[in-house]
C-alpha atoms as a PDB file:
ATOM      1  CA  MET A   1       0.000   0.000   0.000  1.00  0.00           C
ATOM      2  CA  TRP A   2       1.078   3.550  -0.706  1.00  0.00           C
ATOM      3  CA  ASN A   3       1.660   5.402   2.543  1.00  0.00           C
ATOM      4  CA  GLN A   4       1.438   8.997   3.684  1.00  0.00           C
ATOM      5  CA  GLN A   5       5.005   9.027   4.945  1.00  0.00           C
ATOM      6  CA  ARG A   6       6.383   8.239   1.508  1.00  0.00           C
ATOM      7  CA  TYR A   7       4.354  11.123   0.069  1.00  0.00           C
ATOM      8  CA  GLU A   8       5.644  13.507   2.736  1.00  0.00           C
ATOM      9  CA  ASP A   9       9.222  12.350   2.187  1.00  0.00           C
ATOM     10  CA  ALA A  10       8.886  13.047  -1.542  1.00  0.00           C
ATOM     11  CA  VAL A  11       7.531  16.544  -0.941  1.00  0.00           C
ATOM     12  CA  GLN A  12      10.302  17.336   1.533  1.00  0.00           C
ATOM     13  CA  LEU A  13      12.896  16.064  -0.930  1.00  0.00           C
ATOM     14  CA  LEU A  14      11.451  18.297  -3.637  1.00  0.00           C
ATOM     15  CA  LYS A  15      11.656  21.300  -1.303  1.00  0.00           C
ATOM     16  CA  SER A  16      15.311  20.509  -0.611  1.00  0.00           C
ATOM     17  CA  LEU A  17      16.076  20.231  -4.319  1.00  0.00           C
ATOM     18  CA  ILE A  18      14.382  23.563  -5.054  1.00  0.00           C
ATOM     19  CA  ALA A  19      16.336  25.307  -2.290  1.00  0.00           C
ATOM     20  CA  MET A  20      19.663  24.110  -3.745  1.00  0.00           C
ATOM     21  CA  PRO A  21      20.714  25.848  -7.007  1.00  0.00           C
ATOM     22  CA  SER A  22      21.333  23.204  -9.657  1.00  0.00           C
ATOM     23  CA  PHE A  23      21.981  24.896 -12.976  1.00  0.00           C
ATOM     24  CA  SER A  24      23.256  22.585 -15.686  1.00  0.00           C
ATOM     25  CA  ARG A  25      26.873  21.562 -15.000  1.00  0.00           C
ATOM     26  CA  GLU A  26      26.437  22.852 -11.429  1.00  0.00           C
ATOM     27  CA  GLU A  27      24.362  20.047  -9.918  1.00  0.00           C
ATOM     28  CA  ASP A  28      26.806  18.925  -7.211  1.00  0.00           C
ATOM     29  CA  GLY A  29      24.526  20.063  -4.393  1.00  0.00           C
ATOM     30  CA  THR A  30      21.381  18.332  -5.617  1.00  0.00           C
ATOM     31  CA  ALA A  31      23.343  15.184  -6.454  1.00  0.00           C
ATOM     32  CA  ALA A  32      24.513  15.099  -2.825  1.00  0.00           C
ATOM     33  CA  ILE A  33      20.935  15.621  -1.585  1.00  0.00           C
ATOM     34  CA  LEU A  34      19.690  12.756  -3.750  1.00  0.00           C
ATOM     35  CA  GLY A  35      22.493  10.498  -2.530  1.00  0.00           C
ATOM     36  CA  ARG A  36      21.659  11.219   1.107  1.00  0.00           C
ATOM     37  CA  PHE A  37      17.986  10.558   0.411  1.00  0.00           C
ATOM     38  CA  MET A  38      18.884   7.154  -1.019  1.00  0.00           C
ATOM     39  CA  GLU A  39      21.056   6.328   1.993  1.00  0.00           C
ATOM     40  CA  GLU A  40      18.366   7.383   4.471  1.00  0.00           C
ATOM     41  CA  HIS A  41      15.955   4.964   2.797  1.00  0.00           C
ATOM     42  CA  GLY A  42      18.393   2.061   2.761  1.00  0.00           C
ATOM     43  CA  VAL A  43      19.047   2.139  -0.978  1.00  0.00           C
ATOM     44  CA  ARG A  44      22.423   1.157  -2.368  1.00  0.00           C
ATOM     45  CA  TYR A  45      23.137   3.739  -5.048  1.00  0.00           C
ATOM     46  CA  ASN A  46      25.838   4.704  -7.506  1.00  0.00           C
ATOM     47  CA  ARG A  47      27.183   8.119  -8.448  1.00  0.00           C
ATOM     48  CA  HIS A  48      29.142   9.173 -11.514  1.00  0.00           C
ATOM     49  CA  LEU A  49      29.795  12.906 -11.779  1.00  0.00           C
ATOM     50  CA  ASN A  50      26.399  14.392 -10.856  1.00  0.00           C
ATOM     51  CA  ASN A  51      24.340  11.375 -11.896  1.00  0.00           C
ATOM     52  CA  ILE A  52      22.736   9.172  -9.245  1.00  0.00           C
ATOM     53  CA  TRP A  53      21.296   5.743 -10.024  1.00  0.00           C
ATOM     54  CA  ALA A  54      20.216   2.554  -8.285  1.00  0.00           C
ATOM     55  CA  LEU A  55      18.682  -0.876  -8.928  1.00  0.00           C
ATOM     56  CA  ASN A  56      15.977  -2.679  -6.974  1.00  0.00           C
ATOM     57  CA  ARG A  57      17.412  -4.813  -4.168  1.00  0.00           C
ATOM     58  CA  HIS A  58      16.438  -8.123  -5.785  1.00  0.00           C
ATOM     59  CA  PHE A  59      17.708  -7.257  -9.245  1.00  0.00           C
ATOM     60  CA  ASP A  60      17.748 -10.309 -11.525  1.00  0.00           C
ATOM     61  CA  PRO A  61      19.830 -10.053 -14.740  1.00  0.00           C
ATOM     62  CA  ALA A  62      17.565 -12.634 -16.367  1.00  0.00           C
ATOM     63  CA  LYS A  63      14.547 -10.341 -16.136  1.00  0.00           C
ATOM     64  CA  PRO A  64      13.714  -7.280 -18.279  1.00  0.00           C
ATOM     65  CA  THR A  65      14.514  -3.891 -16.769  1.00  0.00           C
ATOM     66  CA  ILE A  66      12.367  -0.773 -16.561  1.00  0.00           C
ATOM     67  CA  LEU A  67      14.239   2.503 -16.178  1.00  0.00           C
ATOM     68  CA  LEU A  68      12.692   5.408 -14.284  1.00  0.00           C
ATOM     69  CA  ASN A  69      14.516   8.568 -15.273  1.00  0.00           C
ATOM     70  CA  SER A  70      14.291  12.298 -14.778  1.00  0.00           C
ATOM     71  CA  HIS A  71      16.778  15.120 -14.333  1.00  0.00           C
ATOM     72  CA  HIS A  72      17.732  17.403 -11.461  1.00  0.00           C
ATOM     73  CA  ASP A  73      19.405  20.250 -13.348  1.00  0.00           C
ATOM     74  CA  THR A  74      17.492  23.432 -14.128  1.00  0.00           C
ATOM     75  CA  VAL A  75      17.738  26.376 -16.457  1.00  0.00           C
ATOM     76  CA  LYS A  76      18.404  29.782 -14.885  1.00  0.00           C
ATOM     77  CA  PRO A  77      15.333  31.795 -13.865  1.00  0.00           C
ATOM     78  CA  ASN A  78      14.211  34.119 -16.627  1.00  0.00           C
ATOM     79  CA  PRO A  79      14.029  37.894 -16.071  1.00  0.00           C
ATOM     80  CA  GLN A  80      10.242  37.746 -15.631  1.00  0.00           C
ATOM     81  CA  TYR A  81      10.496  35.489 -12.572  1.00  0.00           C
ATOM     82  CA  THR A  82       8.487  37.162  -9.798  1.00  0.00           C
ATOM     83  CA  ARG A  83       9.351  34.829  -6.917  1.00  0.00           C
ATOM     84  CA  ASP A  84      12.507  33.811  -5.126  1.00  0.00           C
ATOM     85  CA  PRO A  85      13.396  30.857  -7.378  1.00  0.00           C
ATOM     86  CA  PHE A  86      15.023  28.975  -4.496  1.00  0.00           C
ATOM     87  CA  ASP A  87      12.209  29.403  -1.989  1.00  0.00           C
ATOM     88  CA  PRO A  88      10.016  26.251  -1.989  1.00  0.00           C
ATOM     89  CA  ALA A  89       6.852  28.116  -1.046  1.00  0.00           C
ATOM     90  CA  VAL A  90       3.485  26.356  -0.770  1.00  0.00           C
ATOM     91  CA  GLU A  91       0.368  28.347  -1.604  1.00  0.00           C
ATOM     92  CA  ASP A  92      -3.128  26.954  -2.056  1.00  0.00           C
ATOM     93  CA  GLY A  93      -1.762  23.442  -2.123  1.00  0.00           C
ATOM     94  CA  LYS A  94       0.775  24.251  -4.844  1.00  0.00           C
ATOM     95  CA  LEU A  95       4.551  24.101  -4.425  1.00  0.00           C
ATOM     96  CA  PHE A  96       6.479  26.858  -6.188  1.00  0.00           C
ATOM     97  CA  GLY A  97      10.176  27.175  -6.981  1.00  0.00           C
ATOM     98  CA  LEU A  98      12.693  26.788  -9.778  1.00  0.00           C
ATOM     99  CA  GLY A  99      12.674  23.196 -11.001  1.00  0.00           C
ATOM    100  CA  SER A 100       9.502  22.259  -9.123  1.00  0.00           C
ATOM    101  CA  ASN A 101       7.822  21.452 -12.428  1.00  0.00           C
ATOM    102  CA  ASP A 102      10.742  20.728 -14.740  1.00  0.00           C
ATOM    103  CA  ALA A 103      11.530  18.259 -13.503  1.00  0.00           C
ATOM    104  CA  GLY A 104      11.693  18.012  -9.715  1.00  0.00           C
ATOM    105  CA  GLY A 105       8.091  16.959  -9.233  1.00  0.00           C
ATOM    106  CA  CYS A 106       8.517  14.204 -11.791  1.00  0.00           C
ATOM    107  CA  LEU A 107      11.807  13.077 -10.279  1.00  0.00           C
ATOM    108  CA  VAL A 108      10.586  12.743  -6.683  1.00  0.00           C
ATOM    109  CA  SER A 109       7.447  10.955  -7.882  1.00  0.00           C
ATOM    110  CA  LEU A 110       9.555   8.395  -9.730  1.00  0.00           C
ATOM    111  CA  LEU A 111      11.781   8.028  -6.674  1.00  0.00           C
ATOM    112  CA  ALA A 112       8.739   7.362  -4.511  1.00  0.00           C
ATOM    113  CA  ALA A 113       7.582   4.685  -6.959  1.00  0.00           C
ATOM    114  CA  PHE A 114      11.060   3.149  -6.965  1.00  0.00           C
ATOM    115  CA  LEU A 115      11.088   3.002  -3.163  1.00  0.00           C
ATOM    116  CA  HIS A 116       7.664   1.378  -3.200  1.00  0.00           C
ATOM    117  CA  PHE A 117       9.056  -1.541  -5.217  1.00  0.00           C
ATOM    118  CA  TYR A 118      12.663  -1.520  -3.957  1.00  0.00           C
ATOM    119  CA  GLU A 119      12.343  -4.378  -1.452  1.00  0.00           C
ATOM    120  CA  VAL A 120       9.680  -6.398  -3.284  1.00  0.00           C
ATOM    121  CA  GLU A 121      10.759  -9.923  -4.177  1.00  0.00           C
ATOM    122  CA  ASN A 122       9.735 -11.879  -7.290  1.00  0.00           C
ATOM    123  CA  LEU A 123       8.875  -8.860  -9.415  1.00  0.00           C
ATOM    124  CA  PRO A 124       8.351  -9.865 -13.076  1.00  0.00           C
ATOM    125  CA  TYR A 125      10.864  -7.173 -14.028  1.00  0.00           C
ATOM    126  CA  ASN A 126      13.715  -5.148 -12.565  1.00  0.00           C
ATOM    127  CA  ILE A 127      13.380  -1.460 -11.762  1.00  0.00           C
ATOM    128  CA  ALA A 128      16.231   1.019 -12.149  1.00  0.00           C
ATOM    129  CA  ILE A 129      16.129   4.696 -11.161  1.00  0.00           C
ATOM    130  CA  ALA A 130      18.433   7.365 -12.617  1.00  0.00           C
ATOM    131  CA  ALA A 131      18.459  10.993 -11.491  1.00  0.00           C
ATOM    132  CA  THR A 132      20.617  12.598 -14.128  1.00  0.00           C
ATOM    133  CA  ALA A 133      22.392  15.873 -14.858  1.00  0.00           C
ATOM    134  CA  GLU A 134      22.824  18.268 -17.793  1.00  0.00           C
ATOM    135  CA  GLU A 135      19.494  17.385 -19.415  1.00  0.00           C
ATOM    136  CA  GLU A 136      18.657  21.013 -20.092  1.00  0.00           C
ATOM    137  CA  ILE A 137      21.787  21.475 -22.208  1.00  0.00           C
ATOM    138  CA  SER A 138      22.000  17.967 -23.696  1.00  0.00           C
ATOM    139  CA  GLY A 139      25.366  17.726 -21.976  1.00  0.00           C
ATOM    140  CA  ILE A 140      27.755  14.827 -22.363  1.00  0.00           C
ATOM    141  CA  ASN A 141      28.060  14.437 -18.584  1.00  0.00           C
ATOM    142  CA  GLY A 142      24.412  13.570 -18.117  1.00  0.00           C
ATOM    143  CA  ILE A 143      22.711  10.264 -18.831  1.00  0.00           C
ATOM    144  CA  GLU A 144      24.939   9.687 -21.846  1.00  0.00           C
ATOM    145  CA  SER A 145      27.898   9.312 -19.488  1.00  0.00           C
ATOM    146  CA  ILE A 146      26.308   6.439 -17.531  1.00  0.00           C
ATOM    147  CA  LEU A 147      24.652   4.414 -20.303  1.00  0.00           C
ATOM    148  CA  HIS A 148      27.503   1.915 -20.283  1.00  0.00           C
ATOM    149  CA  LEU A 149      27.144   1.546 -16.506  1.00  0.00           C
ATOM    150  CA  LEU A 150      23.431   0.751 -16.548  1.00  0.00           C
ATOM    151  CA  PRO A 151      22.034  -2.714 -17.207  1.00  0.00           C
ATOM    152  CA  GLN A 152      20.285  -3.355 -20.502  1.00  0.00           C
ATOM    153  CA  ILE A 153      17.144  -1.208 -20.516  1.00  0.00           C
ATOM    154  CA  ASP A 154      14.048  -2.753 -22.053  1.00  0.00           C
ATOM    155  CA  PHE A 155      11.593   0.033 -21.306  1.00  0.00           C
ATOM    156  CA  ALA A 156      11.768   3.507 -19.810  1.00  0.00           C
ATOM    157  CA  ILE A 157       9.461   5.975 -18.143  1.00  0.00           C
ATOM    158  CA  VAL A 158      10.813   9.513 -18.270  1.00  0.00           C
ATOM    159  CA  GLY A 159       9.579  12.262 -15.992  1.00  0.00           C
ATOM    160  CA  GLU A 160       8.917  15.513 -17.819  1.00  0.00           C
ATOM    161  CA  PRO A 161       6.046  18.001 -17.345  1.00  0.00           C
ATOM    162  CA  THR A 162       3.273  16.883 -19.722  1.00  0.00           C
ATOM    163  CA  LYS A 163       0.212  17.929 -17.655  1.00  0.00           C
ATOM    164  CA  THR A 164       0.019  14.220 -16.700  1.00  0.00           C
ATOM    165  CA  ASP A 165      -0.787  13.224 -20.285  1.00  0.00           C
ATOM    166  CA  LEU A 166       1.123  10.132 -21.412  1.00  0.00           C
ATOM    167  CA  ALA A 167       3.623  10.975 -24.142  1.00  0.00           C
ATOM    168  CA  VAL A 168       4.863   8.173 -26.375  1.00  0.00           C
ATOM    169  CA  ALA A 169       7.731   9.893 -28.177  1.00  0.00           C
ATOM    170  CA  GLU A 170       9.794  13.058 -28.052  1.00  0.00           C
ATOM    171  CA  LYS A 171      11.099  15.419 -30.664  1.00  0.00           C
ATOM    172  CA  GLY A 172      14.830  15.727 -31.117  1.00  0.00           C
ATOM    173  CA  LEU A 173      16.810  18.955 -30.989  1.00  0.00           C
ATOM    174  CA  MET A 174      19.197  20.751 -33.304  1.00  0.00           C
ATOM    175  CA  VAL A 175      20.430  24.209 -32.337  1.00  0.00           C
ATOM    176  CA  LEU A 176      21.761  26.406 -35.130  1.00  0.00           C
ATOM    177  CA  ASP A 177      24.101  29.393 -34.880  1.00  0.00           C
ATOM    178  CA  CYS A 178      23.347  31.673 -37.826  1.00  0.00           C
ATOM    179  CA  VAL A 179      25.334  34.709 -38.993  1.00  0.00           C
ATOM    180  CA  ALA A 180      24.158  37.226 -41.603  1.00  0.00           C
ATOM    181  CA  HIS A 181      26.811  39.460 -43.188  1.00  0.00           C
ATOM    182  CA  GLY A 182      26.691  43.014 -44.467  1.00  0.00           C
ATOM    183  CA  LYS A 183      28.984  46.033 -44.533  1.00  0.00           C
ATOM    184  CA  ALA A 184      29.509  48.622 -41.826  1.00  0.00           C
ATOM    185  CA  GLY A 185      28.524  52.217 -42.464  1.00  0.00           C
ATOM    186  CA  HIS A 186      27.275  55.356 -40.753  1.00  0.00           C
ATOM    187  CA  ALA A 187      23.579  55.236 -39.939  1.00  0.00           C
ATOM    188  CA  ALA A 188      23.114  58.910 -40.832  1.00  0.00           C
ATOM    189  CA  ARG A 189      24.248  58.399 -44.401  1.00  0.00           C
ATOM    190  CA  ASP A 190      23.156  56.116 -47.197  1.00  0.00           C
ATOM    191  CA  GLU A 191      26.086  53.775 -46.860  1.00  0.00           C
ATOM    192  CA  GLY A 192      26.876  50.302 -45.668  1.00  0.00           C
ATOM    193  CA  ASP A 193      24.850  47.142 -46.047  1.00  0.00           C
ATOM    194  CA  ASN A 194      22.755  46.411 -42.959  1.00  0.00           C
ATOM    195  CA  ALA A 195      23.289  42.834 -41.783  1.00  0.00           C
ATOM    196  CA  VAL A 196      20.158  43.032 -39.621  1.00  0.00           C
ATOM    197  CA  TYR A 197      18.000  43.356 -42.730  1.00  0.00           C
ATOM    198  CA  HIS A 198      19.637  40.285 -44.262  1.00  0.00           C
ATOM    199  CA  ALA A 199      19.050  38.433 -40.994  1.00  0.00           C
ATOM    200  CA  LEU A 200      15.390  39.481 -41.027  1.00  0.00           C
ATOM    201  CA  ASP A 201      14.891  37.924 -44.444  1.00  0.00           C
ATOM    202  CA  ASP A 202      16.258  34.623 -43.186  1.00  0.00           C
ATOM    203  CA  ILE A 203      14.392  34.872 -39.875  1.00  0.00           C
ATOM    204  CA  ASN A 204      11.184  35.353 -41.848  1.00  0.00           C
ATOM    205  CA  TRP A 205      11.956  32.141 -43.737  1.00  0.00           C
ATOM    206  CA  PHE A 206      12.451  30.225 -40.476  1.00  0.00           C
ATOM    207  CA  ARG A 207       9.171  31.653 -39.234  1.00  0.00           C
ATOM    208  CA  ASN A 208       7.135  30.587 -42.240  1.00  0.00           C
ATOM    209  CA  TYR A 209       8.744  27.475 -43.701  1.00  0.00           C
ATOM    210  CA  ARG A 210       7.027  24.153 -43.073  1.00  0.00           C
ATOM    211  CA  PHE A 211       8.790  20.859 -43.661  1.00  0.00           C
ATOM    212  CA  PRO A 212       6.379  18.834 -45.815  1.00  0.00           C
ATOM    213  CA  ASN A 213       6.599  15.495 -43.982  1.00  0.00           C
ATOM    214  CA  VAL A 214       4.569  15.422 -40.770  1.00  0.00           C
ATOM    215  CA  SER A 215       5.107  12.656 -38.213  1.00  0.00           C
ATOM    216  CA  ASP A 216       2.057  10.651 -37.191  1.00  0.00           C
ATOM    217  CA  THR A 217       3.437  10.564 -33.652  1.00  0.00           C
ATOM    218  CA  LEU A 218       5.333  13.831 -33.231  1.00  0.00           C
ATOM    219  CA  GLY A 219       3.584  16.185 -35.638  1.00  0.00           C
ATOM    220  CA  PRO A 220       5.480  18.773 -37.701  1.00  0.00           C
ATOM    221  CA  VAL A 221       9.079  19.895 -37.415  1.00  0.00           C
ATOM    222  CA  LYS A 222       9.220  23.104 -35.363  1.00  0.00           C
ATOM    223  CA  MET A 223      11.770  25.910 -35.813  1.00  0.00           C
ATOM    224  CA  SER A 224      11.959  28.950 -33.528  1.00  0.00           C
ATOM    225  CA  VAL A 225      14.376  31.901 -33.608  1.00  0.00           C
ATOM    226  CA  THR A 226      15.226  32.506 -29.961  1.00  0.00           C
ATOM    227  CA  VAL A 227      18.233  34.886 -29.815  1.00  0.00           C
ATOM    228  CA  ILE A 228      19.383  37.777 -32.011  1.00  0.00           C
ATOM    229  CA  HIS A 229      22.504  39.898 -31.570  1.00  0.00           C
ATOM    230  CA  THR A 230      24.883  42.345 -33.235  1.00  0.00           C
ATOM    231  CA  SER A 231      28.305  43.340 -31.981  1.00  0.00           C
ATOM    232  CA  ASN A 232      27.567  47.062 -32.326  1.00  0.00           C
ATOM    233  CA  LYS A 233      28.252  49.245 -29.329  1.00  0.00           C
ATOM    234  CA  ALA A 234      26.938  52.441 -30.911  1.00  0.00           C
ATOM    235  CA  HIS A 235      23.478  53.296 -32.225  1.00  0.00           C
ATOM    236  CA  ASN A 236      24.791  55.128 -35.258  1.00  0.00           C
ATOM    237  CA  VAL A 237      26.674  52.274 -36.931  1.00  0.00           C
ATOM    238  CA  VAL A 238      25.130  50.094 -39.606  1.00  0.00           C
ATOM    239  CA  PRO A 239      26.008  46.571 -38.406  1.00  0.00           C
ATOM    240  CA  ALA A 240      28.259  44.439 -40.574  1.00  0.00           C
ATOM    241  CA  GLU A 241      27.213  41.252 -38.858  1.00  0.00           C
ATOM    242  CA  CYS A 242      24.078  39.953 -37.196  1.00  0.00           C
ATOM    243  CA  SER A 243      23.896  36.599 -35.443  1.00  0.00           C
ATOM    244  CA  PHE A 244      20.872  34.665 -34.320  1.00  0.00           C
ATOM    245  CA  VAL A 245      20.044  31.274 -32.864  1.00  0.00           C
ATOM    246  CA  VAL A 246      17.426  28.842 -34.119  1.00  0.00           C
ATOM    247  CA  ASP A 247      15.923  26.072 -31.985  1.00  0.00           C
ATOM    248  CA  CYS A 248      14.907  23.214 -34.318  1.00  0.00           C
ATOM    249  CA  ARG A 249      12.727  20.383 -33.005  1.00  0.00           C
ATOM    250  CA  ALA A 250      13.177  17.329 -35.199  1.00  0.00           C
ATOM    251  CA  THR A 251      10.878  14.384 -35.826  1.00  0.00           C
ATOM    252  CA  ASP A 252      11.366  10.856 -37.105  1.00  0.00           C
ATOM    253  CA  GLN A 253      10.643  12.092 -40.640  1.00  0.00           C
ATOM    254  CA  TYR A 254      14.063  13.727 -41.145  1.00  0.00           C
ATOM    255  CA  THR A 255      17.641  13.207 -40.103  1.00  0.00           C
ATOM    256  CA  LEU A 256      19.466  16.274 -38.816  1.00  0.00           C
ATOM    257  CA  GLU A 257      21.532  16.325 -42.002  1.00  0.00           C
ATOM    258  CA  GLU A 258      18.421  16.426 -44.156  1.00  0.00           C
ATOM    259  CA  MET A 259      17.027  19.307 -42.135  1.00  0.00           C
ATOM    260  CA  LEU A 260      20.315  21.169 -42.268  1.00  0.00           C
ATOM    261  CA  GLU A 261      20.598  20.663 -46.033  1.00  0.00           C
ATOM    262  CA  THR A 262      17.112  22.129 -46.563  1.00  0.00           C
ATOM    263  CA  ILE A 263      17.852  25.105 -44.323  1.00  0.00           C
ATOM    264  CA  ARG A 264      21.141  25.944 -46.000  1.00  0.00           C
ATOM    265  CA  ALA A 265      19.492  25.750 -49.413  1.00  0.00           C
ATOM    266  CA  ASN A 266      16.949  28.403 -48.434  1.00  0.00           C
ATOM    267  CA  VAL A 267      18.791  31.001 -46.353  1.00  0.00           C
ATOM    268  CA  LYS A 268      21.749  33.250 -47.164  1.00  0.00           C
ATOM    269  CA  CYS A 269      23.313  33.423 -43.725  1.00  0.00           C
ATOM    270  CA  ASP A 270      26.067  31.116 -42.517  1.00  0.00           C
ATOM    271  CA  VAL A 271      24.471  28.214 -40.612  1.00  0.00           C
ATOM    272  CA  THR A 272      26.444  26.121 -38.138  1.00  0.00           C
ATOM    273  CA  PRO A 273      25.054  23.437 -35.801  1.00  0.00           C
ATOM    274  CA  ALA A 274      25.849  24.318 -32.189  1.00  0.00           C
ATOM    275  CA  PRO A 275      28.340  22.049 -30.382  1.00  0.00           C
ATOM    276  CA  CYS A 276      25.560  20.145 -28.567  1.00  0.00           C
ATOM    277  CA  ALA A 277      22.508  19.130 -30.582  1.00  0.00           C
ATOM    278  CA  CYS A 278      20.678  15.903 -29.968  1.00  0.00           C
ATOM    279  CA  GLY A 279      18.595  13.261 -31.813  1.00  0.00           C
ATOM    280  CA  PRO A 280      17.329  12.054 -34.031  1.00  0.00           C
ATOM    281  CA  PRO A 281      20.885  10.872 -34.630  1.00  0.00           C
ATOM    282  CA  SER A 282      22.819  11.993 -37.607  1.00  0.00           C
ATOM    283  CA  SER A 283      22.722   9.015 -39.925  1.00  0.00           C
ATOM    284  CA  ARG A 284      20.231   6.448 -41.118  1.00  0.00           C
ATOM    285  CA  ARG A 285      22.312   3.750 -39.477  1.00  0.00           C
ATOM    286  CA  SER A 286      22.466   5.508 -36.121  1.00  0.00           C
ATOM    287  CA  THR A 287      18.774   6.347 -36.365  1.00  0.00           C
ATOM    288  CA  ARG A 288      17.995   2.629 -36.580  1.00  0.00           C
ATOM    289  CA  SER A 289      20.235   1.984 -33.582  1.00  0.00           C
ATOM    290  CA  TYR A 290      18.526   4.756 -31.625  1.00  0.00           C
ATOM    291  CA  ARG A 291      15.121   3.312 -32.362  1.00  0.00           C
ATOM    292  CA  GLN A 292      16.217  -0.157 -31.319  1.00  0.00           C
ATOM    293  CA  VAL A 293      17.547   1.165 -28.015  1.00  0.00           C
ATOM    294  CA  SER A 294      14.712   3.559 -27.270  1.00  0.00           C
ATOM    295  CA  GLY A 295      11.653   1.714 -28.459  1.00  0.00           C
ATOM    296  CA  TRP A 296      10.813   4.716 -30.648  1.00  0.00           C
ATOM    297  CA  GLU A 297      10.132   2.373 -33.551  1.00  0.00           C
ATOM    298  CA  ASN A 298       7.283   0.829 -31.569  1.00  0.00           C
ATOM    299  CA  ASN A 299       5.990   4.197 -30.330  1.00  0.00           C
ATOM    300  CA  TYR A 300       5.490   3.061 -26.775  1.00  0.00           C
ATOM    301  CA  MET A 301       7.454   5.473 -24.682  1.00  0.00           C
ATOM    302  CA  VAL A 302       9.327   8.672 -24.191  1.00  0.00           C
ATOM    303  CA  HIS A 303      12.923   7.639 -23.765  1.00  0.00           C
ATOM    304  CA  PRO A 304      15.702   9.463 -21.918  1.00  0.00           C
ATOM    305  CA  LEU A 305      18.630   7.993 -23.831  1.00  0.00           C
ATOM    306  CA  ARG A 306      19.301  11.008 -25.958  1.00  0.00           C
ATOM    307  CA  LEU A 307      22.344  10.679 -28.166  1.00  0.00           C
ATOM    308  CA  THR A 308      24.336  13.901 -28.266  1.00  0.00           C
ATOM    309  CA  ARG A 309      26.077  15.000 -31.440  1.00  0.00           C
ATOM    310  CA  HIS A 310      29.432  16.792 -31.264  1.00  0.00           C
END
């Protein structure tokens, strides 16, 4: 039976995680909190970098394994944040704080479920739990760094905020650094070639283009311009260069190379994939491997085993 104490322990853990800053690559504090929580509940756990994982006490290599996974890193609070991001305040039955939704609530819920089954003998399957780092930046020191240390995973349940709707797949990510070029000049005179205007033409293409193939599971490819910048320090200089960032959400209908080829054929700016951009993987062969590992081909789960491209 589920018990009230386990619920209260999960809520208290979530409050502790919120109170400890855990920006991506800076999750040491929350990793320590998670480790102590495991110890206090009699769980033998492992730690590699800022990743914490454990197996049910009666783990049987002959049985299939279910992985419960979520992350404990967070993005930084945006400028419109109106609360203390590290104050786990409860109002009207709701717990507020940075990471409470993405993905602390999911993580402590999965931990509570893991504890519920931890001591149970003769389960028809094994249960593994992994609280991982660097998810928000697709970092190489997150779950990717412990895949070889985990047992073979047959199925996974990943905690992410979905309004409690069951998701069966996830879009991949490719981040593009784009640079439009012009020629510097004085803004008061009819001279120079404004790089911002060239960037606007390409930004307009990103805004309006629709990749023709739509995934039955994941819907259309989504592209969003999220950052724009020039190096100008003065208002009266026509910029010679304008850079912007595009967040591209990929589906199983295109490889990253196919998306990149289409983009480069339609815009004039220089387009470079950012150092970390993840799945779908970059080749047909690796896409097949990804599907075999993740179960994507069978459309039965959201899987945490993102493969990061470098």
